[in-house]
PDB file of N, CA and C in Angstrom:
ATOM      1  N   UNK A   1     -23.693  11.225 -17.307  1.00  0.00           N
ATOM      2  CA  UNK A   1     -23.925   9.911 -16.734  1.00  0.00           C
ATOM      3  C   UNK A   1     -25.226   9.891 -15.936  1.00  0.00           C
ATOM      4  N   UNK A   2     -25.859   8.750 -15.979  1.00  0.00           N
ATOM      5  CA  UNK A   2     -27.026   8.597 -15.113  1.00  0.00           C
ATOM      6  C   UNK A   2     -26.536   8.360 -13.683  1.00  0.00           C
ATOM      7  N   UNK A   3     -27.429   8.500 -12.746  1.00  0.00           N
ATOM      8  CA  UNK A   3     -27.040   8.305 -11.345  1.00  0.00           C
ATOM      9  C   UNK A   3     -26.562   6.878 -11.096  1.00  0.00           C
ATOM     10  N   UNK A   4     -27.229   5.920 -11.699  1.00  0.00           N
ATOM     11  CA  UNK A   4     -26.847   4.519 -11.495  1.00  0.00           C
ATOM     12  C   UNK A   4     -25.457   4.252 -12.068  1.00  0.00           C
ATOM     13  N   UNK A   5     -25.176   4.766 -13.252  1.00  0.00           N
ATOM     14  CA  UNK A   5     -23.853   4.566 -13.852  1.00  0.00           C
ATOM     15  C   UNK A   5     -22.773   5.265 -13.034  1.00  0.00           C
ATOM     16  N   UNK A   6     -23.078   6.458 -12.532  1.00  0.00           N
ATOM     17  CA  UNK A   6     -22.111   7.173 -11.697  1.00  0.00           C
ATOM     18  C   UNK A   6     -21.856   6.404 -10.405  1.00  0.00           C
ATOM     19  N   UNK A   7     -22.909   5.842  -9.818  1.00  0.00           N
ATOM     20  CA  UNK A   7     -22.759   5.042  -8.609  1.00  0.00           C
ATOM     21  C   UNK A   7     -21.918   3.801  -8.879  1.00  0.00           C
ATOM     22  N   UNK A   8     -22.175   3.128  -9.982  1.00  0.00           N
ATOM     23  CA  UNK A   8     -21.408   1.930 -10.326  1.00  0.00           C
ATOM     24  C   UNK A   8     -19.944   2.264 -10.576  1.00  0.00           C
ATOM     25  N   UNK A   9     -19.693   3.371 -11.244  1.00  0.00           N
ATOM     26  CA  UNK A   9     -18.324   3.789 -11.516  1.00  0.00           C
ATOM     27  C   UNK A   9     -17.591   4.117 -10.209  1.00  0.00           C
ATOM     28  N   UNK A  10     -18.257   4.826  -9.320  1.00  0.00           N
ATOM     29  CA  UNK A  10     -17.645   5.158  -8.028  1.00  0.00           C
ATOM     30  C   UNK A  10     -17.399   3.907  -7.195  1.00  0.00           C
ATOM     31  N   UNK A  11     -18.327   2.967  -7.220  1.00  0.00           N
ATOM     32  CA  UNK A  11     -18.157   1.720  -6.475  1.00  0.00           C
ATOM     33  C   UNK A  11     -16.978   0.922  -7.017  1.00  0.00           C
ATOM     34  N   UNK A  12     -16.825   0.902  -8.322  1.00  0.00           N
ATOM     35  CA  UNK A  12     -15.703   0.185  -8.929  1.00  0.00           C
ATOM     36  C   UNK A  12     -14.378   0.833  -8.537  1.00  0.00           C
ATOM     37  N   UNK A  13     -14.325   2.153  -8.546  1.00  0.00           N
ATOM     38  CA  UNK A  13     -13.101   2.853  -8.143  1.00  0.00           C
ATOM     39  C   UNK A  13     -12.781   2.591  -6.672  1.00  0.00           C
ATOM     40  N   UNK A  14     -13.806   2.579  -5.826  1.00  0.00           N
ATOM     41  CA  UNK A  14     -13.596   2.319  -4.397  1.00  0.00           C
ATOM     42  C   UNK A  14     -13.101   0.894  -4.170  1.00  0.00           C
ATOM     43  N   UNK A  15     -13.651  -0.059  -4.892  1.00  0.00           N
ATOM     44  CA  UNK A  15     -13.215  -1.447  -4.769  1.00  0.00           C
ATOM     45  C   UNK A  15     -11.772  -1.604  -5.231  1.00  0.00           C
ATOM     46  N   UNK A  16     -11.424  -0.946  -6.317  1.00  0.00           N
ATOM     47  CA  UNK A  16     -10.050  -0.989  -6.808  1.00  0.00           C
ATOM     48  C   UNK A  16      -9.091  -0.431  -5.767  1.00  0.00           C
ATOM     49  N   UNK A  17      -9.467   0.666  -5.146  1.00  0.00           N
ATOM     50  CA  UNK A  17      -8.610   1.265  -4.121  1.00  0.00           C
ATOM     51  C   UNK A  17      -8.489   0.349  -2.908  1.00  0.00           C
ATOM     52  N   UNK A  18      -9.587  -0.263  -2.506  1.00  0.00           N
ATOM     53  CA  UNK A  18      -9.554  -1.174  -1.358  1.00  0.00           C
ATOM     54  C   UNK A  18      -8.661  -2.374  -1.650  1.00  0.00           C
ATOM     55  N   UNK A  19      -8.748  -2.921  -2.848  1.00  0.00           N
ATOM     56  CA  UNK A  19      -7.896  -4.054  -3.217  1.00  0.00           C
ATOM     57  C   UNK A  19      -6.430  -3.646  -3.299  1.00  0.00           C
ATOM     58  N   UNK A  20      -6.174  -2.423  -3.741  1.00  0.00           N
ATOM     59  CA  UNK A  20      -4.796  -1.945  -3.829  1.00  0.00           C
ATOM     60  C   UNK A  20      -4.173  -1.781  -2.448  1.00  0.00           C
ATOM     61  N   UNK A  21      -4.990  -1.562  -1.437  1.00  0.00           N
ATOM     62  CA  UNK A  21      -4.477  -1.391  -0.076  1.00  0.00           C
ATOM     63  C   UNK A  21      -4.268  -2.717   0.652  1.00  0.00           C
ATOM     64  N   UNK A  22      -4.720  -3.817   0.086  1.00  0.00           N
ATOM     65  CA  UNK A  22      -4.590  -5.121   0.737  1.00  0.00           C
ATOM     66  C   UNK A  22      -3.154  -5.468   1.128  1.00  0.00           C
ATOM     67  N   UNK A  23      -2.155  -5.240   0.264  1.00  0.00           N
ATOM     68  CA  UNK A  23      -0.784  -5.557   0.695  1.00  0.00           C
ATOM     69  C   UNK A  23      -0.379  -4.807   1.960  1.00  0.00           C
ATOM     70  N   UNK A  24      -0.820  -3.568   2.096  1.00  0.00           N
ATOM     71  CA  UNK A  24      -0.491  -2.797   3.294  1.00  0.00           C
ATOM     72  C   UNK A  24      -1.146  -3.396   4.533  1.00  0.00           C
ATOM     73  N   UNK A  25      -2.397  -3.820   4.415  1.00  0.00           N
ATOM     74  CA  UNK A  25      -3.075  -4.434   5.553  1.00  0.00           C
ATOM     75  C   UNK A  25      -2.401  -5.744   5.950  1.00  0.00           C
ATOM     76  N   UNK A  26      -1.988  -6.517   4.965  1.00  0.00           N
ATOM     77  CA  UNK A  26      -1.325  -7.785   5.251  1.00  0.00           C
ATOM     78  C   UNK A  26       0.031  -7.558   5.913  1.00  0.00           C
ATOM     79  N   UNK A  27       0.793  -6.613   5.401  1.00  0.00           N
ATOM     80  CA  UNK A  27       2.099  -6.307   5.990  1.00  0.00           C
ATOM     81  C   UNK A  27       1.924  -5.751   7.399  1.00  0.00           C
ATOM     82  N   UNK A  28       0.945  -4.883   7.584  1.00  0.00           N
ATOM     83  CA  UNK A  28       0.696  -4.321   8.916  1.00  0.00           C
ATOM     84  C   UNK A  28       0.316  -5.424   9.902  1.00  0.00           C
ATOM     85  N   UNK A  29      -0.492  -6.367   9.465  1.00  0.00           N
ATOM     86  CA  UNK A  29      -0.853  -7.490  10.329  1.00  0.00           C
ATOM     87  C   UNK A  29       0.350  -8.340  10.692  1.00  0.00           C
ATOM     88  N   UNK A  30       1.207  -8.584   9.717  1.00  0.00           N
ATOM     89  CA  UNK A  30       2.425  -9.356   9.978  1.00  0.00           C
ATOM     90  C   UNK A  30       3.319  -8.634  10.977  1.00  0.00           C
ATOM     91  N   UNK A  31       3.494  -7.342  10.767  1.00  0.00           N
ATOM     92  CA  UNK A  31       4.350  -6.559  11.667  1.00  0.00           C
ATOM     93  C   UNK A  31       3.780  -6.573  13.080  1.00  0.00           C
ATOM     94  N   UNK A  32       2.483  -6.355  13.204  1.00  0.00           N
ATOM     95  CA  UNK A  32       1.862  -6.344  14.532  1.00  0.00           C
ATOM     96  C   UNK A  32       1.932  -7.716  15.200  1.00  0.00           C
ATOM     97  N   UNK A  33       1.841  -8.778  14.416  1.00  0.00           N
ATOM     98  CA  UNK A  33       1.831 -10.122  14.988  1.00  0.00           C
ATOM     99  C   UNK A  33       3.209 -10.612  15.400  1.00  0.00           C
ATOM    100  N   UNK A  34       4.212 -10.334  14.581  1.00  0.00           N
ATOM    101  CA  UNK A  34       5.498 -10.982  14.783  1.00  0.00           C
ATOM    102  C   UNK A  34       6.660 -10.052  15.117  1.00  0.00           C
ATOM    103  N   UNK A  35       6.570  -8.784  14.779  1.00  0.00           N
ATOM    104  CA  UNK A  35       7.747  -7.925  14.914  1.00  0.00           C
ATOM    105  C   UNK A  35       7.653  -6.993  16.113  1.00  0.00           C
ATOM    106  N   UNK A  36       6.512  -6.369  16.336  1.00  0.00           N
ATOM    107  CA  UNK A  36       6.441  -5.360  17.401  1.00  0.00           C
ATOM    108  C   UNK A  36       6.624  -5.943  18.797  1.00  0.00           C
ATOM    109  N   UNK A  37       6.406  -7.221  18.959  1.00  0.00           N
ATOM    110  CA  UNK A  37       6.584  -7.820  20.290  1.00  0.00           C
ATOM    111  C   UNK A  37       8.050  -8.018  20.653  1.00  0.00           C
ATOM    112  N   UNK A  38       8.958  -7.886  19.696  1.00  0.00           N
ATOM    113  CA  UNK A  38      10.385  -8.101  19.939  1.00  0.00           C
ATOM    114  C   UNK A  38      11.059  -6.790  20.330  1.00  0.00           C
ATOM    115  N   UNK A  39      10.830  -6.367  21.550  1.00  0.00           N
ATOM    116  CA  UNK A  39      11.440  -5.134  22.048  1.00  0.00           C
ATOM    117  C   UNK A  39      12.931  -5.304  22.299  1.00  0.00           C
ATOM    118  N   UNK A  40      13.386  -6.542  22.385  1.00  0.00           N
ATOM    119  CA  UNK A  40      14.797  -6.783  22.674  1.00  0.00           C
ATOM    120  C   UNK A  40      15.685  -6.665  21.431  1.00  0.00           C
ATOM    121  N   UNK A  41      15.082  -6.529  20.263  1.00  0.00           N
ATOM    122  CA  UNK A  41      15.878  -6.400  19.042  1.00  0.00           C
ATOM    123  C   UNK A  41      16.681  -5.107  19.084  1.00  0.00           C
ATOM    124  N   UNK A  42      17.855  -5.123  18.477  1.00  0.00           N
ATOM    125  CA  UNK A  42      18.673  -3.897  18.442  1.00  0.00           C
ATOM    126  C   UNK A  42      17.950  -2.773  17.686  1.00  0.00           C
ATOM    127  N   UNK A  43      18.266  -1.548  18.069  1.00  0.00           N
ATOM    128  CA  UNK A  43      17.644  -0.381  17.445  1.00  0.00           C
ATOM    129  C   UNK A  43      17.917  -0.366  15.940  1.00  0.00           C
ATOM    130  N   UNK A  44      19.096  -0.807  15.514  1.00  0.00           N
ATOM    131  CA  UNK A  44      19.437  -0.804  14.087  1.00  0.00           C
ATOM    132  C   UNK A  44      18.478  -1.687  13.291  1.00  0.00           C
ATOM    133  N   UNK A  45      18.114  -2.829  13.824  1.00  0.00           N
ATOM    134  CA  UNK A  45      17.184  -3.730  13.137  1.00  0.00           C
ATOM    135  C   UNK A  45      15.804  -3.087  13.052  1.00  0.00           C
ATOM    136  N   UNK A  46      15.365  -2.469  14.128  1.00  0.00           N
ATOM    137  CA  UNK A  46      14.054  -1.830  14.126  1.00  0.00           C
ATOM    138  C   UNK A  46      14.013  -0.657  13.153  1.00  0.00           C
ATOM    139  N   UNK A  47      15.085   0.121  13.099  1.00  0.00           N
ATOM    140  CA  UNK A  47      15.150   1.237  12.146  1.00  0.00           C
ATOM    141  C   UNK A  47      15.171   0.706  10.720  1.00  0.00           C
ATOM    142  N   UNK A  48      15.913  -0.367  10.479  1.00  0.00           N
ATOM    143  CA  UNK A  48      15.950  -0.975   9.145  1.00  0.00           C
ATOM    144  C   UNK A  48      14.553  -1.406   8.704  1.00  0.00           C
ATOM    145  N   UNK A  49      13.791  -1.993   9.598  1.00  0.00           N
ATOM    146  CA  UNK A  49      12.427  -2.400   9.268  1.00  0.00           C
ATOM    147  C   UNK A  49      11.537  -1.198   8.957  1.00  0.00           C
ATOM    148  N   UNK A  50      11.708  -0.119   9.712  1.00  0.00           N
ATOM    149  CA  UNK A  50      10.922   1.092   9.444  1.00  0.00           C
ATOM    150  C   UNK A  50      11.277   1.691   8.085  1.00  0.00           C
ATOM    151  N   UNK A  51      12.565   1.740   7.776  1.00  0.00           N
ATOM    152  CA  UNK A  51      13.009   2.290   6.492  1.00  0.00           C
ATOM    153  C   UNK A  51      12.518   1.405   5.348  1.00  0.00           C
ATOM    154  N   UNK A  52      12.562   0.090   5.538  1.00  0.00           N
ATOM    155  CA  UNK A  52      12.064  -0.818   4.502  1.00  0.00           C
ATOM    156  C   UNK A  52      10.575  -0.596   4.265  1.00  0.00           C
ATOM    157  N   UNK A  53       9.805  -0.433   5.323  1.00  0.00           N
ATOM    158  CA  UNK A  53       8.373  -0.173   5.177  1.00  0.00           C
ATOM    159  C   UNK A  53       8.095   1.149   4.484  1.00  0.00           C
ATOM    160  N   UNK A  54       8.844   2.166   4.840  1.00  0.00           N
ATOM    161  CA  UNK A  54       8.679   3.470   4.200  1.00  0.00           C
ATOM    162  C   UNK A  54       9.048   3.402   2.722  1.00  0.00           C
ATOM    163  N   UNK A  55      10.132   2.700   2.413  1.00  0.00           N
ATOM    164  CA  UNK A  55      10.562   2.559   1.022  1.00  0.00           C
ATOM    165  C   UNK A  55       9.497   1.848   0.195  1.00  0.00           C
ATOM    166  N   UNK A  56       8.946   0.761   0.726  1.00  0.00           N
ATOM    167  CA  UNK A  56       7.895   0.040   0.019  1.00  0.00           C
ATOM    168  C   UNK A  56       6.674   0.928  -0.191  1.00  0.00           C
ATOM    169  N   UNK A  57       6.304   1.683   0.830  1.00  0.00           N
ATOM    170  CA  UNK A  57       5.134   2.556   0.728  1.00  0.00           C
ATOM    171  C   UNK A  57       5.318   3.623  -0.341  1.00  0.00           C
ATOM    172  N   UNK A  58       6.474   4.258  -0.354  1.00  0.00           N
ATOM    173  CA  UNK A  58       6.746   5.300  -1.354  1.00  0.00           C
ATOM    174  C   UNK A  58       6.728   4.699  -2.752  1.00  0.00           C
ATOM    175  N   UNK A  59       7.329   3.534  -2.907  1.00  0.00           N
ATOM    176  CA  UNK A  59       7.336   2.894  -4.225  1.00  0.00           C
ATOM    177  C   UNK A  59       5.914   2.557  -4.662  1.00  0.00           C
ATOM    178  N   UNK A  60       5.147   1.934  -3.786  1.00  0.00           N
ATOM    179  CA  UNK A  60       3.821   1.438  -4.145  1.00  0.00           C
ATOM    180  C   UNK A  60       2.820   2.560  -4.381  1.00  0.00           C
ATOM    181  N   UNK A  61       2.935   3.653  -3.623  1.00  0.00           N
ATOM    182  CA  UNK A  61       1.951   4.729  -3.713  1.00  0.00           C
ATOM    183  C   UNK A  61       2.354   5.802  -4.720  1.00  0.00           C
ATOM    184  N   UNK A  62       3.659   6.070  -4.874  1.00  0.00           N
ATOM    185  CA  UNK A  62       4.102   7.179  -5.722  1.00  0.00           C
ATOM    186  C   UNK A  62       4.780   6.700  -7.002  1.00  0.00           C
ATOM    187  N   UNK A  63       5.812   5.885  -6.865  1.00  0.00           N
ATOM    188  CA  UNK A  63       6.631   5.542  -8.028  1.00  0.00           C
ATOM    189  C   UNK A  63       5.950   4.575  -8.994  1.00  0.00           C
ATOM    190  N   UNK A  64       5.334   3.533  -8.486  1.00  0.00           N
ATOM    191  CA  UNK A  64       4.680   2.553  -9.352  1.00  0.00           C
ATOM    192  C   UNK A  64       3.569   3.177 -10.198  1.00  0.00           C
ATOM    193  N   UNK A  65       2.666   3.990  -9.629  1.00  0.00           N
ATOM    194  CA  UNK A  65       1.650   4.626 -10.477  1.00  0.00           C
ATOM    195  C   UNK A  65       2.253   5.525 -11.561  1.00  0.00           C
ATOM    196  N   UNK A  66       3.349   6.205 -11.249  1.00  0.00           N
ATOM    197  CA  UNK A  66       4.002   7.032 -12.270  1.00  0.00           C
ATOM    198  C   UNK A  66       4.532   6.173 -13.412  1.00  0.00           C
ATOM    199  N   UNK A  67       5.163   5.047 -13.065  1.00  0.00           N
ATOM    200  CA  UNK A  67       5.689   4.158 -14.098  1.00  0.00           C
ATOM    201  C   UNK A  67       4.565   3.608 -14.962  1.00  0.00           C
ATOM    202  N   UNK A  68       3.481   3.206 -14.344  1.00  0.00           N
ATOM    203  CA  UNK A  68       2.350   2.671 -15.100  1.00  0.00           C
ATOM    204  C   UNK A  68       1.707   3.753 -15.965  1.00  0.00           C
ATOM    205  N   UNK A  69       1.651   4.978 -15.465  1.00  0.00           N
ATOM    206  CA  UNK A  69       1.105   6.085 -16.249  1.00  0.00           C
ATOM    207  C   UNK A  69       1.944   6.379 -17.475  1.00  0.00           C
ATOM    208  N   UNK A  70       3.259   6.289 -17.336  1.00  0.00           N
ATOM    209  CA  UNK A  70       4.142   6.516 -18.481  1.00  0.00           C
ATOM    210  C   UNK A  70       3.967   5.425 -19.530  1.00  0.00           C
ATOM    211  N   UNK A  71       3.774   4.179 -19.090  1.00  0.00           N
ATOM    212  CA  UNK A  71       3.575   3.080 -20.036  1.00  0.00           C
ATOM    213  C   UNK A  71       2.273   3.251 -20.808  1.00  0.00           C
ATOM    214  N   UNK A  72       1.231   3.752 -20.133  1.00  0.00           N
ATOM    215  CA  UNK A  72      -0.058   3.948 -20.800  1.00  0.00           C
ATOM    216  C   UNK A  72       0.018   5.030 -21.863  1.00  0.00           C
ATOM    217  N   UNK A  73       0.849   6.042 -21.641  1.00  0.00           N
ATOM    218  CA  UNK A  73       0.973   7.134 -22.602  1.00  0.00           C
ATOM    219  C   UNK A  73       1.697   6.695 -23.866  1.00  0.00           C
ATOM    220  N   UNK A  74       2.538   5.681 -23.745  1.00  0.00           N
ATOM    221  CA  UNK A  74       3.328   5.245 -24.914  1.00  0.00           C
ATOM    222  C   UNK A  74       2.539   4.383 -25.833  1.00  0.00           C
TER     223      UNK A  74
END
């Protein structure tokens, strides 16, 4: 590859990664704006929200790419 093509390819990959992280930034903003200020909520609700966030993260970062990779191979 020429340097320009390598630069363009790297820029495209970086943009794709940045766009893929947008849902996380939006969810983090929502949580910071509306949820973290509610210290009076029961511990069970707060733990449920943490588990839900962790579950979404694991699915989006690990499981979804694996599923898409399997579809591409077929």
